[in-house]
Amino acid sequence: MTTETPHWFTSSYSNNGGACVEVAANLIASCGVVPVRDSKNPHGPVLDLPAHAFTTFVAEVKTGQFGTAKGTR
């Protein structure tokens, strides 16, 4: 457990009416995790992803591994 405060941000690519997530990359070096939360519920649960898992996820999103979000739910 850390006493550091996450510095939350939303991607500049997120412009979809609030249906996005926020991440706090400032805890990677000290804790090895990337906290992720729902931007619509900032006081809700936080998922702490191992840094390598988050990096892999982002890389696969960029290569289209998960398709597009259009028309899915």
PDB file of N, CA and C in Angstrom:
ATOM      1  N   MET A   1       0.849  -1.178   0.000  1.00  0.00           N
ATOM      2  CA  MET A   1       0.000   0.000   0.000  1.00  0.00           C
ATOM      3  C   MET A   1       0.892   1.237   0.000  1.00  0.00           C
ATOM      4  N   THR A   2       0.464   2.225  -0.697  1.00  0.00           N
ATOM      5  CA  THR A   2       1.241   3.459  -0.796  1.00  0.00           C
ATOM      6  C   THR A   2       0.446   4.624  -0.224  1.00  0.00           C
ATOM      7  N   THR A   3       1.167   5.641   0.179  1.00  0.00           N
ATOM      8  CA  THR A   3       0.506   6.855   0.648  1.00  0.00           C
ATOM      9  C   THR A   3       0.484   7.917  -0.443  1.00  0.00           C
ATOM     10  N   GLU A   4       1.051   7.586  -1.608  1.00  0.00           N
ATOM     11  CA  GLU A   4       1.027   8.524  -2.733  1.00  0.00           C
ATOM     12  C   GLU A   4      -0.400   8.694  -3.241  1.00  0.00           C
ATOM     13  N   THR A   5      -0.708   9.894  -3.667  1.00  0.00           N
ATOM     14  CA  THR A   5      -2.019  10.184  -4.218  1.00  0.00           C
ATOM     15  C   THR A   5      -1.978  10.011  -5.732  1.00  0.00           C
ATOM     16  N   PRO A   6      -2.917   9.240  -6.281  1.00  0.00           N
ATOM     17  CA  PRO A   6      -2.956   9.105  -7.740  1.00  0.00           C
ATOM     18  C   PRO A   6      -3.274  10.450  -8.401  1.00  0.00           C
ATOM     19  N   HIS A   7      -2.605  10.732  -9.495  1.00  0.00           N
ATOM     20  CA  HIS A   7      -2.884  11.926 -10.292  1.00  0.00           C
ATOM     21  C   HIS A   7      -3.666  11.458 -11.516  1.00  0.00           C
ATOM     22  N   TRP A   8      -4.978  11.544 -11.432  1.00  0.00           N
ATOM     23  CA  TRP A   8      -5.869  10.985 -12.453  1.00  0.00           C
ATOM     24  C   TRP A   8      -5.890  11.838 -13.707  1.00  0.00           C
ATOM     25  N   PHE A   9      -5.975  11.165 -14.860  1.00  0.00           N
ATOM     26  CA  PHE A   9      -6.184  11.881 -16.116  1.00  0.00           C
ATOM     27  C   PHE A   9      -6.979  11.008 -17.076  1.00  0.00           C
ATOM     28  N   THR A  10      -7.638  11.665 -17.992  1.00  0.00           N
ATOM     29  CA  THR A  10      -8.392  11.005 -19.054  1.00  0.00           C
ATOM     30  C   THR A  10      -7.669  11.297 -20.356  1.00  0.00           C
ATOM     31  N   SER A  11      -7.597  10.330 -21.216  1.00  0.00           N
ATOM     32  CA  SER A  11      -6.917  10.491 -22.494  1.00  0.00           C
ATOM     33  C   SER A  11      -7.488  11.668 -23.273  1.00  0.00           C
ATOM     34  N   SER A  12      -6.628  12.372 -23.955  1.00  0.00           N
ATOM     35  CA  SER A  12      -7.088  13.469 -24.810  1.00  0.00           C
ATOM     36  C   SER A  12      -7.897  12.945 -25.991  1.00  0.00           C
ATOM     37  N   TYR A  13      -7.812  11.655 -26.258  1.00  0.00           N
ATOM     38  CA  TYR A  13      -8.592  11.034 -27.327  1.00  0.00           C
ATOM     39  C   TYR A  13     -10.013  10.716 -26.881  1.00  0.00           C
ATOM     40  N   SER A  14     -10.289  10.820 -25.599  1.00  0.00           N
ATOM     41  CA  SER A  14     -11.624  10.513 -25.076  1.00  0.00           C
ATOM     42  C   SER A  14     -12.528  11.716 -25.261  1.00  0.00           C
ATOM     43  N   ASN A  15     -13.438  11.587 -26.161  1.00  0.00           N
ATOM     44  CA  ASN A  15     -14.440  12.630 -26.399  1.00  0.00           C
ATOM     45  C   ASN A  15     -15.743  11.932 -26.759  1.00  0.00           C
ATOM     46  N   ASN A  16     -16.176  11.051 -25.859  1.00  0.00           N
ATOM     47  CA  ASN A  16     -17.333  10.225 -26.174  1.00  0.00           C
ATOM     48  C   ASN A  16     -18.472  10.407 -25.181  1.00  0.00           C
ATOM     49  N   GLY A  17     -18.663  11.597 -24.687  1.00  0.00           N
ATOM     50  CA  GLY A  17     -19.780  11.859 -23.801  1.00  0.00           C
ATOM     51  C   GLY A  17     -19.618  11.341 -22.391  1.00  0.00           C
ATOM     52  N   GLY A  18     -18.406  11.137 -21.939  1.00  0.00           N
ATOM     53  CA  GLY A  18     -18.180  10.737 -20.565  1.00  0.00           C
ATOM     54  C   GLY A  18     -18.051   9.248 -20.317  1.00  0.00           C
ATOM     55  N   ALA A  19     -18.173   8.434 -21.340  1.00  0.00           N
ATOM     56  CA  ALA A  19     -18.040   6.987 -21.177  1.00  0.00           C
ATOM     57  C   ALA A  19     -16.578   6.590 -21.352  1.00  0.00           C
ATOM     58  N   CYS A  20     -15.755   6.930 -20.364  1.00  0.00           N
ATOM     59  CA  CYS A  20     -14.333   6.643 -20.484  1.00  0.00           C
ATOM     60  C   CYS A  20     -13.753   6.286 -19.123  1.00  0.00           C
ATOM     61  N   VAL A  21     -12.507   5.935 -19.127  1.00  0.00           N
ATOM     62  CA  VAL A  21     -11.806   5.611 -17.891  1.00  0.00           C
ATOM     63  C   VAL A  21     -10.728   6.646 -17.632  1.00  0.00           C
ATOM     64  N   GLU A  22     -10.302   6.711 -16.390  1.00  0.00           N
ATOM     65  CA  GLU A  22      -9.191   7.559 -15.995  1.00  0.00           C
ATOM     66  C   GLU A  22      -8.082   6.658 -15.485  1.00  0.00           C
ATOM     67  N   VAL A  23      -6.850   7.080 -15.698  1.00  0.00           N
ATOM     68  CA  VAL A  23      -5.697   6.333 -15.204  1.00  0.00           C
ATOM     69  C   VAL A  23      -4.800   7.273 -14.417  1.00  0.00           C
ATOM     70  N   ALA A  24      -3.960   6.680 -13.570  1.00  0.00           N
ATOM     71  CA  ALA A  24      -2.997   7.453 -12.788  1.00  0.00           C
ATOM     72  C   ALA A  24      -1.620   6.838 -13.015  1.00  0.00           C
ATOM     73  N   ALA A  25      -0.910   7.381 -13.981  1.00  0.00           N
ATOM     74  CA  ALA A  25       0.392   6.829 -14.360  1.00  0.00           C
ATOM     75  C   ALA A  25       1.502   7.182 -13.377  1.00  0.00           C
ATOM     76  N   ASN A  26       1.250   8.067 -12.436  1.00  0.00           N
ATOM     77  CA  ASN A  26       2.313   8.497 -11.520  1.00  0.00           C
ATOM     78  C   ASN A  26       2.715   7.425 -10.503  1.00  0.00           C
ATOM     79  N   LEU A  27       2.000   6.314 -10.417  1.00  0.00           N
ATOM     80  CA  LEU A  27       2.331   5.272  -9.444  1.00  0.00           C
ATOM     81  C   LEU A  27       3.123   4.117 -10.046  1.00  0.00           C
ATOM     82  N   ILE A  28       3.468   4.218 -11.329  1.00  0.00           N
ATOM     83  CA  ILE A  28       4.203   3.139 -11.982  1.00  0.00           C
ATOM     84  C   ILE A  28       5.568   2.933 -11.331  1.00  0.00           C
ATOM     85  N   ALA A  29       6.352   3.979 -11.186  1.00  0.00           N
ATOM     86  CA  ALA A  29       7.716   3.838 -10.661  1.00  0.00           C
ATOM     87  C   ALA A  29       7.733   3.402  -9.204  1.00  0.00           C
ATOM     88  N   SER A  30       6.877   3.968  -8.383  1.00  0.00           N
ATOM     89  CA  SER A  30       6.926   3.683  -6.951  1.00  0.00           C
ATOM     90  C   SER A  30       6.193   2.406  -6.549  1.00  0.00           C
ATOM     91  N   CYS A  31       5.146   2.049  -7.292  1.00  0.00           N
ATOM     92  CA  CYS A  31       4.312   0.908  -6.887  1.00  0.00           C
ATOM     93  C   CYS A  31       4.211  -0.191  -7.938  1.00  0.00           C
ATOM     94  N   GLY A  32       4.581   0.119  -9.171  1.00  0.00           N
ATOM     95  CA  GLY A  32       4.492  -0.866 -10.239  1.00  0.00           C
ATOM     96  C   GLY A  32       3.083  -1.131 -10.722  1.00  0.00           C
ATOM     97  N   VAL A  33       2.161  -0.206 -10.445  1.00  0.00           N
ATOM     98  CA  VAL A  33       0.772  -0.379 -10.856  1.00  0.00           C
ATOM     99  C   VAL A  33       0.261   0.856 -11.587  1.00  0.00           C
ATOM    100  N   VAL A  34      -0.798   0.629 -12.368  1.00  0.00           N
ATOM    101  CA  VAL A  34      -1.523   1.718 -13.018  1.00  0.00           C
ATOM    102  C   VAL A  34      -2.965   1.623 -12.533  1.00  0.00           C
ATOM    103  N   PRO A  35      -3.381   2.494 -11.622  1.00  0.00           N
ATOM    104  CA  PRO A  35      -4.768   2.500 -11.179  1.00  0.00           C
ATOM    105  C   PRO A  35      -5.685   2.972 -12.311  1.00  0.00           C
ATOM    106  N   VAL A  36      -6.845   2.337 -12.426  1.00  0.00           N
ATOM    107  CA  VAL A  36      -7.827   2.663 -13.453  1.00  0.00           C
ATOM    108  C   VAL A  36      -9.184   2.781 -12.769  1.00  0.00           C
ATOM    109  N   ARG A  37      -9.969   3.790 -13.158  1.00  0.00           N
ATOM    110  CA  ARG A  37     -11.317   3.955 -12.591  1.00  0.00           C
ATOM    111  C   ARG A  37     -12.265   4.497 -13.651  1.00  0.00           C
ATOM    112  N   ASP A  38     -13.539   4.391 -13.372  1.00  0.00           N
ATOM    113  CA  ASP A  38     -14.596   4.905 -14.248  1.00  0.00           C
ATOM    114  C   ASP A  38     -14.678   6.415 -14.054  1.00  0.00           C
ATOM    115  N   SER A  39     -14.579   7.159 -15.133  1.00  0.00           N
ATOM    116  CA  SER A  39     -14.599   8.624 -15.026  1.00  0.00           C
ATOM    117  C   SER A  39     -15.931   9.158 -14.508  1.00  0.00           C
ATOM    118  N   LYS A  40     -17.001   8.396 -14.685  1.00  0.00           N
ATOM    119  CA  LYS A  40     -18.312   8.838 -14.210  1.00  0.00           C
ATOM    120  C   LYS A  40     -18.505   8.565 -12.722  1.00  0.00           C
ATOM    121  N   ASN A  41     -17.631   7.765 -12.130  1.00  0.00           N
ATOM    122  CA  ASN A  41     -17.764   7.399 -10.726  1.00  0.00           C
ATOM    123  C   ASN A  41     -16.399   7.522 -10.028  1.00  0.00           C
ATOM    124  N   PRO A  42     -15.905   8.741  -9.863  1.00  0.00           N
ATOM    125  CA  PRO A  42     -14.556   8.924  -9.327  1.00  0.00           C
ATOM    126  C   PRO A  42     -14.369   8.446  -7.893  1.00  0.00           C
ATOM    127  N   HIS A  43     -15.448   8.234  -7.166  1.00  0.00           N
ATOM    128  CA  HIS A  43     -15.336   7.740  -5.787  1.00  0.00           C
ATOM    129  C   HIS A  43     -15.635   6.247  -5.705  1.00  0.00           C
ATOM    130  N   GLY A  44     -15.814   5.624  -6.863  1.00  0.00           N
ATOM    131  CA  GLY A  44     -16.100   4.196  -6.921  1.00  0.00           C
ATOM    132  C   GLY A  44     -14.835   3.362  -6.862  1.00  0.00           C
ATOM    133  N   PRO A  45     -14.953   2.098  -7.228  1.00  0.00           N
ATOM    134  CA  PRO A  45     -13.810   1.186  -7.143  1.00  0.00           C
ATOM    135  C   PRO A  45     -12.688   1.556  -8.106  1.00  0.00           C
ATOM    136  N   VAL A  46     -11.484   1.163  -7.727  1.00  0.00           N
ATOM    137  CA  VAL A  46     -10.284   1.380  -8.538  1.00  0.00           C
ATOM    138  C   VAL A  46      -9.652   0.023  -8.805  1.00  0.00           C
ATOM    139  N   LEU A  47      -9.291  -0.200 -10.039  1.00  0.00           N
ATOM    140  CA  LEU A  47      -8.607  -1.423 -10.432  1.00  0.00           C
ATOM    141  C   LEU A  47      -7.127  -1.109 -10.580  1.00  0.00           C
ATOM    142  N   ASP A  48      -6.289  -1.729  -9.754  1.00  0.00           N
ATOM    143  CA  ASP A  48      -4.843  -1.533  -9.832  1.00  0.00           C
ATOM    144  C   ASP A  48      -4.252  -2.599 -10.747  1.00  0.00           C
ATOM    145  N   LEU A  49      -3.875  -2.191 -11.957  1.00  0.00           N
ATOM    146  CA  LEU A  49      -3.297  -3.126 -12.924  1.00  0.00           C
ATOM    147  C   LEU A  49      -1.780  -3.127 -12.822  1.00  0.00           C
ATOM    148  N   PRO A  50      -1.155  -4.300 -12.875  1.00  0.00           N
ATOM    149  CA  PRO A  50       0.307  -4.320 -12.946  1.00  0.00           C
ATOM    150  C   PRO A  50       0.748  -3.522 -14.176  1.00  0.00           C
ATOM    151  N   ALA A  51       1.823  -2.772 -14.035  1.00  0.00           N
ATOM    152  CA  ALA A  51       2.277  -1.888 -15.116  1.00  0.00           C
ATOM    153  C   ALA A  51       2.476  -2.640 -16.426  1.00  0.00           C
ATOM    154  N   HIS A  52       3.065  -3.834 -16.386  1.00  0.00           N
ATOM    155  CA  HIS A  52       3.293  -4.585 -17.625  1.00  0.00           C
ATOM    156  C   HIS A  52       1.980  -5.009 -18.275  1.00  0.00           C
ATOM    157  N   ALA A  53       0.969  -5.321 -17.483  1.00  0.00           N
ATOM    158  CA  ALA A  53      -0.332  -5.704 -18.037  1.00  0.00           C
ATOM    159  C   ALA A  53      -0.996  -4.509 -18.711  1.00  0.00           C
ATOM    160  N   PHE A  54      -0.908  -3.338 -18.091  1.00  0.00           N
ATOM    161  CA  PHE A  54      -1.495  -2.134 -18.675  1.00  0.00           C
ATOM    162  C   PHE A  54      -0.789  -1.770 -19.979  1.00  0.00           C
ATOM    163  N   THR A  55       0.541  -1.862 -19.979  1.00  0.00           N
ATOM    164  CA  THR A  55       1.315  -1.561 -21.184  1.00  0.00           C
ATOM    165  C   THR A  55       0.939  -2.503 -22.327  1.00  0.00           C
ATOM    166  N   THR A  56       0.789  -3.778 -22.013  1.00  0.00           N
ATOM    167  CA  THR A  56       0.386  -4.761 -23.023  1.00  0.00           C
ATOM    168  C   THR A  56      -1.008  -4.441 -23.546  1.00  0.00           C
ATOM    169  N   PHE A  57      -1.931  -4.116 -22.657  1.00  0.00           N
ATOM    170  CA  PHE A  57      -3.295  -3.766 -23.052  1.00  0.00           C
ATOM    171  C   PHE A  57      -3.306  -2.573 -24.005  1.00  0.00           C
ATOM    172  N   VAL A  58      -2.597  -1.508 -23.646  1.00  0.00           N
ATOM    173  CA  VAL A  58      -2.562  -0.305 -24.494  1.00  0.00           C
ATOM    174  C   VAL A  58      -1.965  -0.631 -25.859  1.00  0.00           C
ATOM    175  N   ALA A  59      -0.899  -1.404 -25.890  1.00  0.00           N
ATOM    176  CA  ALA A  59      -0.266  -1.775 -27.162  1.00  0.00           C
ATOM    177  C   ALA A  59      -1.238  -2.559 -28.035  1.00  0.00           C
ATOM    178  N   GLU A  60      -2.010  -3.469 -27.438  1.00  0.00           N
ATOM    179  CA  GLU A  60      -2.955  -4.263 -28.215  1.00  0.00           C
ATOM    180  C   GLU A  60      -4.143  -3.434 -28.689  1.00  0.00           C
ATOM    181  N   VAL A  61      -4.562  -2.457 -27.909  1.00  0.00           N
ATOM    182  CA  VAL A  61      -5.616  -1.542 -28.364  1.00  0.00           C
ATOM    183  C   VAL A  61      -5.135  -0.776 -29.585  1.00  0.00           C
ATOM    184  N   LYS A  62      -3.894  -0.287 -29.530  1.00  0.00           N
ATOM    185  CA  LYS A  62      -3.337   0.489 -30.641  1.00  0.00           C
ATOM    186  C   LYS A  62      -3.219  -0.328 -31.922  1.00  0.00           C
ATOM    187  N   THR A  63      -3.009  -1.628 -31.807  1.00  0.00           N
ATOM    188  CA  THR A  63      -2.883  -2.473 -33.005  1.00  0.00           C
ATOM    189  C   THR A  63      -4.218  -3.031 -33.469  1.00  0.00           C
ATOM    190  N   GLY A  64      -5.300  -2.691 -32.772  1.00  0.00           N
ATOM    191  CA  GLY A  64      -6.622  -3.134 -33.197  1.00  0.00           C
ATOM    192  C   GLY A  64      -7.019  -4.518 -32.713  1.00  0.00           C
ATOM    193  N   GLN A  65      -6.338  -5.060 -31.722  1.00  0.00           N
ATOM    194  CA  GLN A  65      -6.632  -6.393 -31.207  1.00  0.00           C
ATOM    195  C   GLN A  65      -8.079  -6.549 -30.754  1.00  0.00           C
ATOM    196  N   PHE A  66      -8.700  -5.474 -30.315  1.00  0.00           N
ATOM    197  CA  PHE A  66     -10.029  -5.552 -29.747  1.00  0.00           C
ATOM    198  C   PHE A  66     -11.113  -4.998 -30.668  1.00  0.00           C
ATOM    199  N   GLY A  67     -10.771  -4.697 -31.895  1.00  0.00           N
ATOM    200  CA  GLY A  67     -11.742  -4.144 -32.831  1.00  0.00           C
ATOM    201  C   GLY A  67     -12.067  -2.701 -32.504  1.00  0.00           C
ATOM    202  N   THR A  68     -13.258  -2.279 -32.893  1.00  0.00           N
ATOM    203  CA  THR A  68     -13.694  -0.911 -32.626  1.00  0.00           C
ATOM    204  C   THR A  68     -14.852  -0.929 -31.663  1.00  0.00           C
ATOM    205  N   ALA A  69     -15.090   0.185 -31.034  1.00  0.00           N
ATOM    206  CA  ALA A  69     -16.167   0.299 -30.064  1.00  0.00           C
ATOM    207  C   ALA A  69     -17.504   0.624 -30.715  1.00  0.00           C
ATOM    208  N   LYS A  70     -17.499   0.984 -31.974  1.00  0.00           N
ATOM    209  CA  LYS A  70     -18.727   1.382 -32.647  1.00  0.00           C
ATOM    210  C   LYS A  70     -19.693   0.209 -32.713  1.00  0.00           C
ATOM    211  N   GLY A  71     -20.895   0.439 -32.206  1.00  0.00           N
ATOM    212  CA  GLY A  71     -21.943  -0.564 -32.278  1.00  0.00           C
ATOM    213  C   GLY A  71     -21.799  -1.713 -31.296  1.00  0.00           C
ATOM    214  N   THR A  72     -20.877  -1.618 -30.344  1.00  0.00           N
ATOM    215  CA  THR A  72     -20.728  -2.676 -29.351  1.00  0.00           C
ATOM    216  C   THR A  72     -21.135  -2.168 -27.983  1.00  0.00           C
ATOM    217  N   ARG A  73     -21.548  -3.043 -27.151  1.00  0.00           N
ATOM    218  CA  ARG A  73     -21.899  -2.738 -25.766  1.00  0.00           C
ATOM    219  C   ARG A  73     -22.004  -3.989 -25.001  1.00  0.00           C
TER     220      ARG A  73
END
